[in-house]
């Protein structure tokens, strides 16, 4: 596990050449958490991003953002199924 106290996050997972690459989980100080695939310290591939308010996005991520088909669950329990860009 790697903990960065200054920036308020901790990461547990695969590393390659000193960077988060492969499968892993990162949690930020505010409670936001991403569990999925990383590439060069960026969310890249299949993953789930869960926010502190309980909402979450399950999708493929490209360069940190959800892209293509996915599901977003809102804090009130409502669900969006569709495309992200």
N, C-alpha and C. Protein backbone atom coordinates (compact mmCIF):
# COMPACT_ATOMS: atom_id res chain seq x y z
N UNK A 1 0.85 -1.17 0.00
CA UNK A 1 0.00 0.00 0.00
C UNK A 1 0.89 1.23 0.00
N UNK A 2 0.47 2.22 -0.75
CA UNK A 2 1.19 3.49 -0.80
C UNK A 2 0.25 4.57 -0.27
N UNK A 3 0.73 5.35 0.66
CA UNK A 3 -0.07 6.43 1.24
C UNK A 3 0.64 7.76 0.98
N UNK A 4 -0.09 8.71 0.42
CA UNK A 4 0.43 10.05 0.19
C UNK A 4 -0.29 11.00 1.13
N UNK A 5 0.29 11.24 2.29
CA UNK A 5 -0.34 12.08 3.31
C UNK A 5 -0.57 13.50 2.82
N UNK A 6 0.39 14.05 2.08
CA UNK A 6 0.29 15.45 1.65
C UNK A 6 -0.91 15.68 0.75
N UNK A 7 -1.19 14.74 -0.14
CA UNK A 7 -2.30 14.91 -1.07
C UNK A 7 -3.55 14.18 -0.60
N UNK A 8 -3.46 13.43 0.45
CA UNK A 8 -4.63 12.82 1.07
C UNK A 8 -5.22 11.63 0.36
N UNK A 9 -4.39 10.74 -0.16
CA UNK A 9 -4.91 9.53 -0.77
C UNK A 9 -4.04 8.33 -0.44
N UNK A 10 -4.64 7.14 -0.62
CA UNK A 10 -3.87 5.91 -0.45
C UNK A 10 -4.24 4.96 -1.57
N UNK A 11 -3.24 4.20 -2.02
CA UNK A 11 -3.40 3.29 -3.16
C UNK A 11 -2.91 1.92 -2.77
N UNK A 12 -3.67 0.92 -3.16
CA UNK A 12 -3.24 -0.47 -2.98
C UNK A 12 -3.50 -1.20 -4.29
N UNK A 13 -2.44 -1.75 -4.85
CA UNK A 13 -2.59 -2.46 -6.11
C UNK A 13 -1.27 -2.62 -6.83
N UNK A 14 -1.37 -2.83 -8.13
CA UNK A 14 -0.20 -3.11 -8.95
C UNK A 14 0.55 -1.82 -9.31
N UNK A 15 1.86 -1.98 -9.44
CA UNK A 15 2.76 -0.89 -9.81
C UNK A 15 3.62 -1.35 -10.98
N UNK A 16 3.99 -0.40 -11.82
CA UNK A 16 4.94 -0.68 -12.90
C UNK A 16 5.79 0.57 -13.08
N UNK A 17 7.07 0.41 -12.93
CA UNK A 17 8.03 1.51 -13.07
C UNK A 17 7.65 2.71 -12.20
N UNK A 18 7.25 2.43 -10.96
CA UNK A 18 6.95 3.48 -10.01
C UNK A 18 5.62 4.19 -10.21
N UNK A 19 4.75 3.61 -11.02
CA UNK A 19 3.46 4.24 -11.29
C UNK A 19 2.32 3.25 -11.07
N UNK A 20 1.17 3.76 -10.68
CA UNK A 20 -0.01 2.93 -10.54
C UNK A 20 -0.40 2.43 -11.93
N UNK A 21 -0.20 1.15 -12.18
CA UNK A 21 -0.50 0.54 -13.47
C UNK A 21 -0.97 -0.89 -13.23
N UNK A 22 -2.16 -1.22 -13.74
CA UNK A 22 -2.75 -2.54 -13.52
C UNK A 22 -3.97 -2.39 -12.62
N UNK A 23 -4.33 -3.45 -11.92
CA UNK A 23 -5.50 -3.43 -11.04
C UNK A 23 -5.15 -2.80 -9.70
N UNK A 24 -6.04 -1.94 -9.20
CA UNK A 24 -5.79 -1.32 -7.91
C UNK A 24 -6.96 -0.50 -7.42
N UNK A 25 -6.84 -0.08 -6.16
CA UNK A 25 -7.86 0.73 -5.51
C UNK A 25 -7.21 1.96 -4.89
N UNK A 26 -7.80 3.11 -5.15
CA UNK A 26 -7.31 4.35 -4.57
C UNK A 26 -8.46 5.01 -3.83
N UNK A 27 -8.16 5.50 -2.62
CA UNK A 27 -9.17 6.20 -1.84
C UNK A 27 -8.61 7.56 -1.45
N UNK A 28 -9.44 8.59 -1.64
CA UNK A 28 -9.05 9.95 -1.32
C UNK A 28 -9.61 10.36 0.04
N UNK A 29 -9.06 11.40 0.59
CA UNK A 29 -9.42 11.89 1.92
C UNK A 29 -10.92 12.15 2.06
N UNK A 30 -11.57 12.62 1.01
CA UNK A 30 -13.00 12.95 1.08
C UNK A 30 -13.92 11.72 1.01
N UNK A 31 -13.33 10.52 0.86
CA UNK A 31 -14.10 9.29 0.80
C UNK A 31 -14.33 8.77 -0.60
N UNK A 32 -13.99 9.54 -1.62
CA UNK A 32 -14.09 9.06 -2.99
C UNK A 32 -13.15 7.89 -3.19
N UNK A 33 -13.59 6.87 -3.95
CA UNK A 33 -12.76 5.69 -4.17
C UNK A 33 -12.92 5.20 -5.61
N UNK A 34 -11.81 4.83 -6.22
CA UNK A 34 -11.82 4.21 -7.54
C UNK A 34 -11.20 2.83 -7.41
N UNK A 35 -11.93 1.84 -7.92
CA UNK A 35 -11.43 0.47 -7.93
C UNK A 35 -11.52 -0.02 -9.37
N UNK A 36 -10.36 -0.36 -9.92
CA UNK A 36 -10.34 -0.81 -11.30
C UNK A 36 -8.95 -0.79 -11.88
N UNK A 37 -8.89 -0.52 -13.17
CA UNK A 37 -7.63 -0.56 -13.91
C UNK A 37 -7.02 0.83 -13.99
N UNK A 38 -5.70 0.85 -13.83
CA UNK A 38 -4.91 2.09 -13.89
C UNK A 38 -3.86 1.96 -14.99
N UNK A 39 -3.48 3.08 -15.54
CA UNK A 39 -2.36 3.12 -16.49
C UNK A 39 -1.62 4.43 -16.28
N UNK A 40 -0.37 4.33 -15.87
CA UNK A 40 0.46 5.52 -15.63
C UNK A 40 -0.23 6.52 -14.70
N UNK A 41 -0.77 6.02 -13.59
CA UNK A 41 -1.41 6.83 -12.54
C UNK A 41 -2.73 7.46 -12.96
N UNK A 42 -3.34 6.99 -14.03
CA UNK A 42 -4.65 7.50 -14.47
C UNK A 42 -5.65 6.36 -14.52
N UNK A 43 -6.91 6.67 -14.20
CA UNK A 43 -7.97 5.69 -14.35
C UNK A 43 -8.07 5.35 -15.83
N UNK A 44 -7.88 4.09 -16.18
CA UNK A 44 -7.82 3.70 -17.59
C UNK A 44 -8.24 2.24 -17.72
N UNK A 45 -9.46 2.01 -18.20
CA UNK A 45 -9.99 0.66 -18.34
C UNK A 45 -11.24 0.51 -17.49
N UNK A 46 -11.65 -0.73 -17.27
CA UNK A 46 -12.87 -0.98 -16.49
C UNK A 46 -12.68 -0.59 -15.03
N UNK A 47 -13.70 0.07 -14.48
CA UNK A 47 -13.60 0.45 -13.08
C UNK A 47 -14.89 1.01 -12.52
N UNK A 48 -14.87 1.19 -11.21
CA UNK A 48 -16.00 1.78 -10.49
C UNK A 48 -15.48 2.94 -9.67
N UNK A 49 -16.08 4.10 -9.89
CA UNK A 49 -15.73 5.31 -9.15
C UNK A 49 -16.89 5.61 -8.21
N UNK A 50 -16.62 5.54 -6.90
CA UNK A 50 -17.65 5.77 -5.89
C UNK A 50 -17.34 7.07 -5.16
N UNK A 51 -18.33 7.95 -5.12
CA UNK A 51 -18.16 9.25 -4.48
C UNK A 51 -18.60 9.20 -3.01
N UNK A 52 -18.17 10.16 -2.24
CA UNK A 52 -18.48 10.23 -0.81
C UNK A 52 -19.99 10.31 -0.55
N UNK A 53 -20.75 10.86 -1.49
CA UNK A 53 -22.20 10.98 -1.31
C UNK A 53 -22.95 9.69 -1.61
N UNK A 54 -22.21 8.65 -2.03
CA UNK A 54 -22.81 7.35 -2.32
C UNK A 54 -23.10 7.12 -3.78
N UNK A 55 -23.00 8.14 -4.61
CA UNK A 55 -23.19 7.93 -6.05
C UNK A 55 -21.99 7.19 -6.60
N UNK A 56 -22.20 6.50 -7.72
CA UNK A 56 -21.09 5.78 -8.33
C UNK A 56 -21.26 5.64 -9.82
N UNK A 57 -20.13 5.50 -10.51
CA UNK A 57 -20.10 5.31 -11.95
C UNK A 57 -19.35 4.01 -12.21
N UNK A 58 -19.98 3.12 -12.97
CA UNK A 58 -19.36 1.86 -13.39
C UNK A 58 -19.24 1.93 -14.90
N UNK A 59 -18.02 1.96 -15.41
CA UNK A 59 -17.82 2.16 -16.83
C UNK A 59 -16.38 1.82 -17.21
N UNK A 60 -16.09 2.01 -18.48
CA UNK A 60 -14.71 2.02 -18.95
C UNK A 60 -14.23 3.46 -18.81
N UNK A 61 -13.03 3.63 -18.28
CA UNK A 61 -12.45 4.96 -18.12
C UNK A 61 -11.32 5.14 -19.12
N UNK A 62 -11.28 6.32 -19.72
CA UNK A 62 -10.21 6.67 -20.63
C UNK A 62 -9.66 8.01 -20.18
N UNK A 63 -8.36 8.02 -19.85
CA UNK A 63 -7.70 9.24 -19.38
C UNK A 63 -8.49 9.92 -18.27
N UNK A 64 -8.86 9.14 -17.25
CA UNK A 64 -9.51 9.62 -16.03
C UNK A 64 -11.03 9.74 -16.10
N UNK A 65 -11.64 9.71 -17.29
CA UNK A 65 -13.08 9.96 -17.41
C UNK A 65 -13.82 8.75 -17.96
N UNK A 66 -15.09 8.56 -17.52
CA UNK A 66 -15.89 7.47 -18.07
C UNK A 66 -16.15 7.70 -19.56
N UNK A 67 -16.10 6.63 -20.32
CA UNK A 67 -16.24 6.72 -21.78
C UNK A 67 -16.99 5.49 -22.26
N UNK A 68 -17.97 5.70 -23.12
CA UNK A 68 -18.73 4.57 -23.67
C UNK A 68 -19.89 4.19 -22.76
N UNK A 69 -20.32 2.96 -22.85
CA UNK A 69 -21.47 2.47 -22.08
C UNK A 69 -21.13 2.32 -20.61
N UNK A 70 -22.11 2.61 -19.76
CA UNK A 70 -21.89 2.47 -18.33
C UNK A 70 -23.15 2.72 -17.54
N UNK A 71 -23.00 2.70 -16.22
CA UNK A 71 -24.12 2.90 -15.31
C UNK A 71 -23.70 3.92 -14.26
N UNK A 72 -24.58 4.89 -14.00
CA UNK A 72 -24.35 5.83 -12.90
C UNK A 72 -25.51 5.68 -11.93
N UNK A 73 -25.18 5.46 -10.67
CA UNK A 73 -26.18 5.39 -9.61
C UNK A 73 -26.07 6.67 -8.78
N UNK A 74 -27.19 7.35 -8.59
CA UNK A 74 -27.24 8.61 -7.86
C UNK A 74 -27.51 8.36 -6.38
N UNK A 75 -27.22 9.34 -5.52
CA UNK A 75 -27.43 9.15 -4.07
C UNK A 75 -28.85 8.75 -3.70
N UNK A 76 -29.85 9.19 -4.48
CA UNK A 76 -31.24 8.84 -4.16
C UNK A 76 -31.64 7.46 -4.67
N UNK A 77 -30.70 6.76 -5.31
CA UNK A 77 -30.96 5.40 -5.80
C UNK A 77 -31.37 5.34 -7.26
N UNK A 78 -31.64 6.50 -7.88
CA UNK A 78 -32.00 6.48 -9.30
C UNK A 78 -30.77 6.09 -10.12
N UNK A 79 -31.05 5.52 -11.30
CA UNK A 79 -29.97 4.94 -12.12
C UNK A 79 -30.05 5.47 -13.54
N UNK A 80 -28.88 5.80 -14.08
CA UNK A 80 -28.73 6.15 -15.49
C UNK A 80 -27.93 5.05 -16.15
N UNK A 81 -28.47 4.47 -17.21
CA UNK A 81 -27.74 3.48 -18.01
C UNK A 81 -27.64 4.04 -19.41
N UNK A 82 -26.42 4.18 -19.88
CA UNK A 82 -26.25 4.75 -21.21
C UNK A 82 -24.80 5.05 -21.49
N UNK A 83 -24.59 6.05 -22.32
CA UNK A 83 -23.25 6.40 -22.78
C UNK A 83 -22.67 7.56 -21.99
N UNK A 84 -21.36 7.51 -21.83
CA UNK A 84 -20.60 8.59 -21.21
C UNK A 84 -19.60 9.11 -22.23
N UNK A 85 -19.32 10.38 -22.17
CA UNK A 85 -18.33 10.97 -23.04
C UNK A 85 -17.71 12.14 -22.33
